[in-house]
Amino acid sequence: MECPTAGLADALSVWRRWGFEPWSHEELAGVRRRVAFKKTAFLGEVAAYYAHDFVVWTHRGDPDCRAVFDAWRPQADVALHRFVFVMERVVCAARRRSFWFGLKGYLEVYQYHSGKPAPRGARDLTDLIDLGWQWVRDNAGR
């Protein structure tokens, strides 16, 4: 079932500007990006790890949020997986868990409705969602 928030897909130029690409997994759809973090020292790069950010607007609501939380698995070199589900009604603002006590990374699943307070750990992503909505409003009917 498609969530009525799918109009955000029309703002692909906004998403690409911030490094996102279209993404889908089973019945979920939205955008994702991979952000690299590098630790450097006097002799050069010491370590590199990644964060994966997902903004999901096509979903079945809270059941899909719970399914991602329960089924998502760690990936090599990925320290953090963040999902923000764009919702009509927020049921649970945030869920967090670690993989192998944090040694294999973390998973954060957020729910967000534009105009409502943003979850603290996802404010950077919710600001981009709001920019996407602004683009949709400004370009409606073009």
N, C-alpha and C. Protein backbone atom coordinates (compact mmCIF):
# COMPACT_ATOMS: atom_id res chain seq x y z
N MET A 1 0.84 -1.18 0.00
CA MET A 1 0.00 0.00 0.00
C MET A 1 0.89 1.24 0.00
N GLU A 2 0.55 2.19 -0.82
CA GLU A 2 1.35 3.40 -0.92
C GLU A 2 0.89 4.43 0.09
N CYS A 3 1.82 4.97 0.81
CA CYS A 3 1.52 6.00 1.79
C CYS A 3 1.23 7.31 1.05
N PRO A 4 0.26 8.12 1.49
CA PRO A 4 -0.03 9.37 0.80
C PRO A 4 1.15 10.34 0.77
N THR A 5 2.21 10.07 1.49
CA THR A 5 3.37 10.95 1.50
C THR A 5 4.28 10.72 0.31
N ALA A 6 3.86 9.87 -0.63
CA ALA A 6 4.72 9.53 -1.76
C ALA A 6 5.00 10.72 -2.66
N GLY A 7 4.34 11.86 -2.49
CA GLY A 7 4.64 13.05 -3.26
C GLY A 7 6.09 13.49 -3.09
N LEU A 8 6.74 13.05 -2.03
CA LEU A 8 8.14 13.38 -1.82
C LEU A 8 9.03 12.80 -2.91
N ALA A 9 8.57 11.75 -3.57
CA ALA A 9 9.35 11.16 -4.66
C ALA A 9 9.52 12.15 -5.81
N ASP A 10 8.60 13.09 -5.93
CA ASP A 10 8.70 14.09 -6.99
C ASP A 10 9.83 15.08 -6.74
N ALA A 11 10.34 15.15 -5.52
CA ALA A 11 11.40 16.10 -5.16
C ALA A 11 12.78 15.47 -5.32
N LEU A 12 12.96 14.62 -6.32
CA LEU A 12 14.22 13.90 -6.49
C LEU A 12 15.41 14.85 -6.63
N SER A 13 15.22 16.02 -7.23
CA SER A 13 16.33 16.97 -7.36
C SER A 13 16.81 17.44 -5.98
N VAL A 14 15.88 17.60 -5.04
CA VAL A 14 16.26 17.97 -3.68
C VAL A 14 17.05 16.85 -3.03
N TRP A 15 16.56 15.63 -3.19
CA TRP A 15 17.24 14.48 -2.58
C TRP A 15 18.62 14.30 -3.17
N ARG A 16 18.77 14.39 -4.48
CA ARG A 16 20.08 14.21 -5.11
C ARG A 16 21.08 15.26 -4.65
N ARG A 17 20.62 16.47 -4.41
CA ARG A 17 21.50 17.55 -3.95
C ARG A 17 22.17 17.17 -2.63
N TRP A 18 21.51 16.39 -1.82
CA TRP A 18 22.05 15.99 -0.52
C TRP A 18 22.62 14.57 -0.53
N GLY A 19 22.85 14.02 -1.72
CA GLY A 19 23.52 12.72 -1.84
C GLY A 19 22.62 11.50 -1.79
N PHE A 20 21.32 11.68 -1.87
CA PHE A 20 20.39 10.55 -1.83
C PHE A 20 20.12 10.02 -3.24
N GLU A 21 19.83 8.75 -3.30
CA GLU A 21 19.42 8.08 -4.53
C GLU A 21 18.14 7.30 -4.26
N PRO A 22 17.32 7.06 -5.29
CA PRO A 22 16.10 6.26 -5.08
C PRO A 22 16.46 4.88 -4.51
N TRP A 23 15.58 4.36 -3.67
CA TRP A 23 15.81 3.10 -2.99
C TRP A 23 14.49 2.38 -2.80
N SER A 24 14.53 1.06 -2.90
CA SER A 24 13.36 0.25 -2.56
C SER A 24 13.84 -1.09 -2.00
N HIS A 25 13.01 -1.65 -1.16
CA HIS A 25 13.29 -2.95 -0.55
C HIS A 25 11.94 -3.58 -0.25
N GLU A 26 11.65 -4.68 -0.94
CA GLU A 26 10.35 -5.34 -0.84
C GLU A 26 9.25 -4.31 -1.10
N GLU A 27 8.38 -4.02 -0.13
CA GLU A 27 7.29 -3.06 -0.35
C GLU A 27 7.64 -1.64 0.09
N LEU A 28 8.86 -1.43 0.55
CA LEU A 28 9.29 -0.11 0.99
C LEU A 28 9.93 0.65 -0.15
N ALA A 29 9.74 1.97 -0.17
CA ALA A 29 10.41 2.80 -1.18
C ALA A 29 10.68 4.17 -0.60
N GLY A 30 11.74 4.78 -1.09
CA GLY A 30 12.14 6.11 -0.67
C GLY A 30 13.48 6.44 -1.28
N VAL A 31 14.36 7.03 -0.46
CA VAL A 31 15.71 7.36 -0.90
C VAL A 31 16.71 6.94 0.17
N ARG A 32 17.95 6.78 -0.26
CA ARG A 32 19.01 6.42 0.69
C ARG A 32 20.30 7.10 0.29
N ARG A 33 21.19 7.25 1.27
CA ARG A 33 22.54 7.74 0.99
C ARG A 33 23.52 7.02 1.90
N ARG A 34 24.75 7.02 1.46
CA ARG A 34 25.84 6.42 2.22
C ARG A 34 26.82 7.54 2.53
N VAL A 35 27.06 7.77 3.81
CA VAL A 35 27.94 8.84 4.25
C VAL A 35 29.20 8.20 4.83
N ALA A 36 30.36 8.67 4.37
CA ALA A 36 31.63 8.13 4.85
C ALA A 36 32.21 9.03 5.95
N PHE A 37 32.72 8.40 6.98
CA PHE A 37 33.43 9.08 8.05
C PHE A 37 34.84 8.52 8.08
N LYS A 38 35.82 9.41 8.06
CA LYS A 38 37.21 8.96 8.03
C LYS A 38 37.97 9.56 9.21
N LYS A 39 38.71 8.72 9.89
CA LYS A 39 39.60 9.15 10.97
C LYS A 39 40.99 9.26 10.38
N THR A 40 41.61 10.42 10.56
CA THR A 40 42.96 10.60 10.05
C THR A 40 43.90 10.95 11.19
N ALA A 41 45.14 10.67 10.96
CA ALA A 41 46.19 11.00 11.91
C ALA A 41 47.36 11.59 11.12
N PHE A 42 48.44 11.80 11.81
CA PHE A 42 49.62 12.40 11.19
C PHE A 42 50.07 11.62 9.95
N LEU A 43 49.98 10.32 9.99
CA LEU A 43 50.45 9.48 8.88
C LEU A 43 49.36 9.16 7.85
N GLY A 44 48.18 9.72 8.01
CA GLY A 44 47.11 9.49 7.03
C GLY A 44 45.88 8.88 7.65
N GLU A 45 45.10 8.24 6.80
CA GLU A 45 43.82 7.66 7.24
C GLU A 45 44.06 6.47 8.17
N VAL A 46 43.36 6.50 9.31
CA VAL A 46 43.48 5.43 10.30
C VAL A 46 42.31 4.46 10.17
N ALA A 47 41.12 5.01 9.96
CA ALA A 47 39.92 4.17 9.88
C ALA A 47 38.86 4.88 9.05
N ALA A 48 37.99 4.08 8.45
CA ALA A 48 36.84 4.63 7.72
C ALA A 48 35.63 3.77 8.06
N TYR A 49 34.53 4.43 8.26
CA TYR A 49 33.28 3.71 8.47
C TYR A 49 32.16 4.52 7.83
N TYR A 50 31.01 3.91 7.73
CA TYR A 50 29.90 4.50 6.98
C TYR A 50 28.63 4.57 7.80
N ALA A 51 27.78 5.48 7.40
CA ALA A 51 26.42 5.57 7.92
C ALA A 51 25.48 5.49 6.73
N HIS A 52 24.44 4.72 6.84
CA HIS A 52 23.41 4.63 5.80
C HIS A 52 22.16 5.33 6.31
N ASP A 53 21.69 6.31 5.56
CA ASP A 53 20.47 7.03 5.89
C ASP A 53 19.38 6.67 4.90
N PHE A 54 18.20 6.36 5.40
CA PHE A 54 17.05 6.01 4.57
C PHE A 54 15.88 6.91 4.93
N VAL A 55 15.22 7.47 3.93
CA VAL A 55 13.96 8.18 4.12
C VAL A 55 12.93 7.35 3.36
N VAL A 56 11.94 6.85 4.08
CA VAL A 56 10.98 5.90 3.51
C VAL A 56 9.60 6.53 3.50
N TRP A 57 8.99 6.63 2.31
CA TRP A 57 7.64 7.21 2.23
C TRP A 57 6.61 6.24 1.68
N THR A 58 7.03 5.14 1.11
CA THR A 58 6.08 4.12 0.68
C THR A 58 6.22 2.94 1.63
N HIS A 59 5.18 2.72 2.44
CA HIS A 59 5.23 1.68 3.47
C HIS A 59 3.81 1.44 3.98
N ARG A 60 3.70 0.47 4.90
CA ARG A 60 2.40 0.14 5.48
C ARG A 60 2.26 0.65 6.91
N GLY A 61 3.05 1.64 7.26
CA GLY A 61 2.93 2.23 8.59
C GLY A 61 3.78 1.53 9.63
N ASP A 62 3.29 1.54 10.87
CA ASP A 62 4.05 1.00 11.99
C ASP A 62 4.46 -0.47 11.80
N PRO A 63 3.64 -1.33 11.19
CA PRO A 63 4.11 -2.71 10.99
C PRO A 63 5.41 -2.79 10.19
N ASP A 64 5.58 -1.95 9.18
CA ASP A 64 6.84 -1.96 8.42
C ASP A 64 7.99 -1.40 9.25
N CYS A 65 7.72 -0.41 10.10
CA CYS A 65 8.76 0.10 10.99
C CYS A 65 9.25 -1.00 11.91
N ARG A 66 8.32 -1.74 12.48
CA ARG A 66 8.69 -2.84 13.37
C ARG A 66 9.42 -3.95 12.61
N ALA A 67 8.98 -4.23 11.38
CA ALA A 67 9.62 -5.28 10.58
C ALA A 67 11.07 -4.91 10.26
N VAL A 68 11.32 -3.67 9.90
CA VAL A 68 12.70 -3.22 9.64
C VAL A 68 13.51 -3.34 10.93
N PHE A 69 12.95 -2.89 12.02
CA PHE A 69 13.66 -2.95 13.31
C PHE A 69 14.02 -4.39 13.68
N ASP A 70 13.11 -5.31 13.45
CA ASP A 70 13.34 -6.70 13.83
C ASP A 70 14.24 -7.46 12.85
N ALA A 71 14.17 -7.13 11.56
CA ALA A 71 14.83 -7.95 10.55
C ALA A 71 16.13 -7.37 9.99
N TRP A 72 16.39 -6.08 10.17
CA TRP A 72 17.58 -5.48 9.57
C TRP A 72 18.84 -6.05 10.20
N ARG A 73 19.83 -6.33 9.38
CA ARG A 73 21.07 -6.95 9.83
C ARG A 73 22.26 -6.01 9.63
N PRO A 74 23.31 -6.19 10.43
CA PRO A 74 24.50 -5.34 10.27
C PRO A 74 25.19 -5.60 8.94
N GLN A 75 25.94 -4.61 8.49
CA GLN A 75 26.73 -4.73 7.26
C GLN A 75 28.16 -4.33 7.58
N ALA A 76 29.10 -4.90 6.87
CA ALA A 76 30.51 -4.61 7.10
C ALA A 76 30.79 -3.12 6.91
N ASP A 77 31.56 -2.55 7.81
CA ASP A 77 32.01 -1.15 7.76
C ASP A 77 30.89 -0.13 7.92
N VAL A 78 29.68 -0.55 8.27
CA VAL A 78 28.58 0.40 8.48
C VAL A 78 28.35 0.52 9.98
N ALA A 79 28.60 1.73 10.50
CA ALA A 79 28.47 1.96 11.93
C ALA A 79 27.04 2.28 12.33
N LEU A 80 26.28 2.89 11.40
CA LEU A 80 24.94 3.33 11.75
C LEU A 80 24.00 3.21 10.56
N HIS A 81 22.85 2.60 10.79
CA HIS A 81 21.75 2.55 9.82
C HIS A 81 20.63 3.38 10.42
N ARG A 82 20.22 4.45 9.73
CA ARG A 82 19.11 5.28 10.22
C ARG A 82 17.97 5.25 9.21
N PHE A 83 16.78 4.92 9.68
CA PHE A 83 15.57 4.94 8.86
C PHE A 83 14.64 6.00 9.41
N VAL A 84 14.10 6.83 8.53
CA VAL A 84 13.05 7.77 8.92
C VAL A 84 11.84 7.44 8.06
N PHE A 85 10.79 6.96 8.70
CA PHE A 85 9.54 6.66 8.01
C PHE A 85 8.66 7.90 8.07
N VAL A 86 8.27 8.41 6.91
CA VAL A 86 7.40 9.58 6.85
C VAL A 86 5.98 9.06 7.05
N MET A 87 5.33 9.52 8.11
CA MET A 87 4.05 8.95 8.55
C MET A 87 2.94 9.99 8.52
N GLU A 88 1.72 9.48 8.44
CA GLU A 88 0.54 10.34 8.63
C GLU A 88 0.30 10.53 10.13
N ARG A 89 0.63 9.48 10.90
CA ARG A 89 0.43 9.52 12.35
C ARG A 89 1.58 8.76 13.00
N VAL A 90 2.29 9.43 13.89
CA VAL A 90 3.43 8.82 14.55
C VAL A 90 2.94 7.92 15.68
N VAL A 91 3.35 6.66 15.65
CA VAL A 91 2.98 5.70 16.68
C VAL A 91 4.10 5.59 17.71
N CYS A 92 5.31 5.45 17.24
CA CYS A 92 6.49 5.34 18.11
C CYS A 92 7.59 6.19 17.48
N ALA A 93 7.98 7.26 18.13
CA ALA A 93 8.91 8.22 17.52
C ALA A 93 10.27 7.61 17.19
N ALA A 94 10.79 6.73 18.04
CA ALA A 94 12.13 6.19 17.80
C ALA A 94 12.30 4.82 18.42
N ARG A 95 13.06 3.99 17.71
CA ARG A 95 13.50 2.69 18.21
C ARG A 95 14.98 2.58 17.89
N ARG A 96 15.76 2.09 18.85
CA ARG A 96 17.20 1.95 18.65
C ARG A 96 17.66 0.59 19.14
N ARG A 97 18.67 0.06 18.43
CA ARG A 97 19.29 -1.18 18.90
C ARG A 97 20.72 -1.26 18.40
N SER A 98 21.50 -2.07 19.08
CA SER A 98 22.88 -2.27 18.67
C SER A 98 23.03 -3.69 18.12
N PHE A 99 24.02 -3.85 17.26
CA PHE A 99 24.38 -5.17 16.76
C PHE A 99 25.65 -5.58 17.48
N TRP A 100 25.60 -6.70 18.18
CA TRP A 100 26.75 -7.22 18.92
C TRP A 100 27.31 -6.15 19.85
N PHE A 101 26.44 -5.58 20.68
CA PHE A 101 26.82 -4.57 21.68
C PHE A 101 27.49 -3.36 21.05
N GLY A 102 27.14 -3.05 19.82
CA GLY A 102 27.68 -1.89 19.13
C GLY A 102 28.93 -2.18 18.33
N LEU A 103 29.51 -3.34 18.49
CA LEU A 103 30.73 -3.66 17.76
C LEU A 103 30.48 -3.81 16.26
N LYS A 104 29.26 -4.17 15.89
CA LYS A 104 28.91 -4.30 14.47
C LYS A 104 27.97 -3.18 14.02
N GLY A 105 27.79 -2.18 14.84
CA GLY A 105 27.01 -1.02 14.44
C GLY A 105 25.69 -0.89 15.19
N TYR A 106 24.92 0.08 14.73
CA TYR A 106 23.65 0.42 15.38
C TYR A 106 22.57 0.60 14.33
N LEU A 107 21.33 0.43 14.77
CA LEU A 107 20.15 0.65 13.94
C LEU A 107 19.24 1.61 14.67
N GLU A 108 18.78 2.64 13.96
CA GLU A 108 17.82 3.58 14.51
C GLU A 108 16.67 3.70 13.52
N VAL A 109 15.44 3.54 14.03
CA VAL A 109 14.24 3.64 13.20
C VAL A 109 13.36 4.73 13.80
N TYR A 110 13.09 5.75 13.00
CA TYR A 110 12.30 6.90 13.44
C TYR A 110 11.01 6.99 12.63
N GLN A 111 10.01 7.59 13.24
CA GLN A 111 8.78 7.95 12.54
C GLN A 111 8.65 9.46 12.62
N TYR A 112 8.23 10.06 11.50
CA TYR A 112 8.15 11.52 11.46
C TYR A 112 6.94 11.96 10.65
N HIS A 113 6.26 12.96 11.17
CA HIS A 113 5.16 13.61 10.47
C HIS A 113 5.53 15.08 10.37
N SER A 114 5.54 15.61 9.15
CA SER A 114 5.93 17.01 8.95
C SER A 114 5.05 17.92 9.79
N GLY A 115 5.68 18.86 10.44
CA GLY A 115 4.96 19.79 11.30
C GLY A 115 4.95 19.38 12.75
N LYS A 116 5.32 18.15 13.04
CA LYS A 116 5.41 17.66 14.41
C LYS A 116 6.87 17.78 14.88
N PRO A 117 7.10 17.73 16.19
CA PRO A 117 8.49 17.79 16.67
C PRO A 117 9.32 16.63 16.09
N ALA A 118 10.53 16.97 15.68
CA ALA A 118 11.41 15.97 15.07
C ALA A 118 12.14 15.17 16.15
N PRO A 119 12.31 13.87 15.93
CA PRO A 119 13.11 13.08 16.87
C PRO A 119 14.55 13.61 16.89
N ARG A 120 15.14 13.72 18.05
CA ARG A 120 16.45 14.34 18.20
C ARG A 120 17.52 13.71 17.31
N GLY A 121 17.57 12.41 17.23
CA GLY A 121 18.62 11.73 16.47
C GLY A 121 18.46 11.80 14.97
N ALA A 122 17.37 12.38 14.50
CA ALA A 122 17.12 12.41 13.05
C ALA A 122 16.79 13.81 12.55
N ARG A 123 17.10 14.83 13.33
CA ARG A 123 16.73 16.19 12.93
C ARG A 123 17.33 16.60 11.59
N ASP A 124 18.56 16.17 11.32
CA ASP A 124 19.15 16.52 10.04
C ASP A 124 18.34 15.94 8.88
N LEU A 125 17.83 14.73 9.05
CA LEU A 125 17.02 14.11 8.00
C LEU A 125 15.62 14.70 7.94
N THR A 126 15.04 15.02 9.09
CA THR A 126 13.68 15.59 9.06
C THR A 126 13.70 16.99 8.47
N ASP A 127 14.79 17.73 8.64
CA ASP A 127 14.91 19.03 7.97
C ASP A 127 14.90 18.85 6.46
N LEU A 128 15.57 17.81 5.96
CA LEU A 128 15.57 17.54 4.52
C LEU A 128 14.19 17.10 4.04
N ILE A 129 13.48 16.34 4.87
CA ILE A 129 12.11 15.95 4.52
C ILE A 129 11.24 17.19 4.38
N ASP A 130 11.37 18.12 5.31
CA ASP A 130 10.61 19.36 5.23
C ASP A 130 10.98 20.17 3.99
N LEU A 131 12.26 20.18 3.61
CA LEU A 131 12.68 20.84 2.37
C LEU A 131 12.03 20.17 1.16
N GLY A 132 11.95 18.84 1.20
CA GLY A 132 11.27 18.11 0.13
C GLY A 132 9.81 18.50 0.03
N TRP A 133 9.13 18.60 1.18
CA TRP A 133 7.73 19.02 1.18
C TRP A 133 7.59 20.44 0.65
N GLN A 134 8.52 21.31 1.01
CA GLN A 134 8.48 22.69 0.52
C GLN A 134 8.61 22.70 -1.01
N TRP A 135 9.50 21.88 -1.53
CA TRP A 135 9.67 21.79 -2.98
C TRP A 135 8.38 21.29 -3.64
N VAL A 136 7.75 20.28 -3.03
CA VAL A 136 6.49 19.74 -3.57
C VAL A 136 5.42 20.83 -3.59
N ARG A 137 5.29 21.59 -2.51
CA ARG A 137 4.30 22.67 -2.46
C ARG A 137 4.59 23.75 -3.49
N ASP A 138 5.86 24.14 -3.62
CA ASP A 138 6.23 25.21 -4.54
C ASP A 138 6.08 24.80 -6.00
N ASN A 139 6.17 23.52 -6.30
CA ASN A 139 6.14 23.05 -7.67
C ASN A 139 4.87 22.28 -8.02
N ALA A 140 3.86 22.35 -7.17
CA ALA A 140 2.60 21.65 -7.43
C ALA A 140 1.95 22.21 -8.69
N GLY A 141 1.52 21.33 -9.56
CA GLY A 141 0.81 21.73 -10.76
C GLY A 141 1.71 22.12 -11.92
N ARG A 142 3.01 22.01 -11.77
CA ARG A 142 3.91 22.36 -12.88
C ARG A 142 4.10 21.22 -13.82
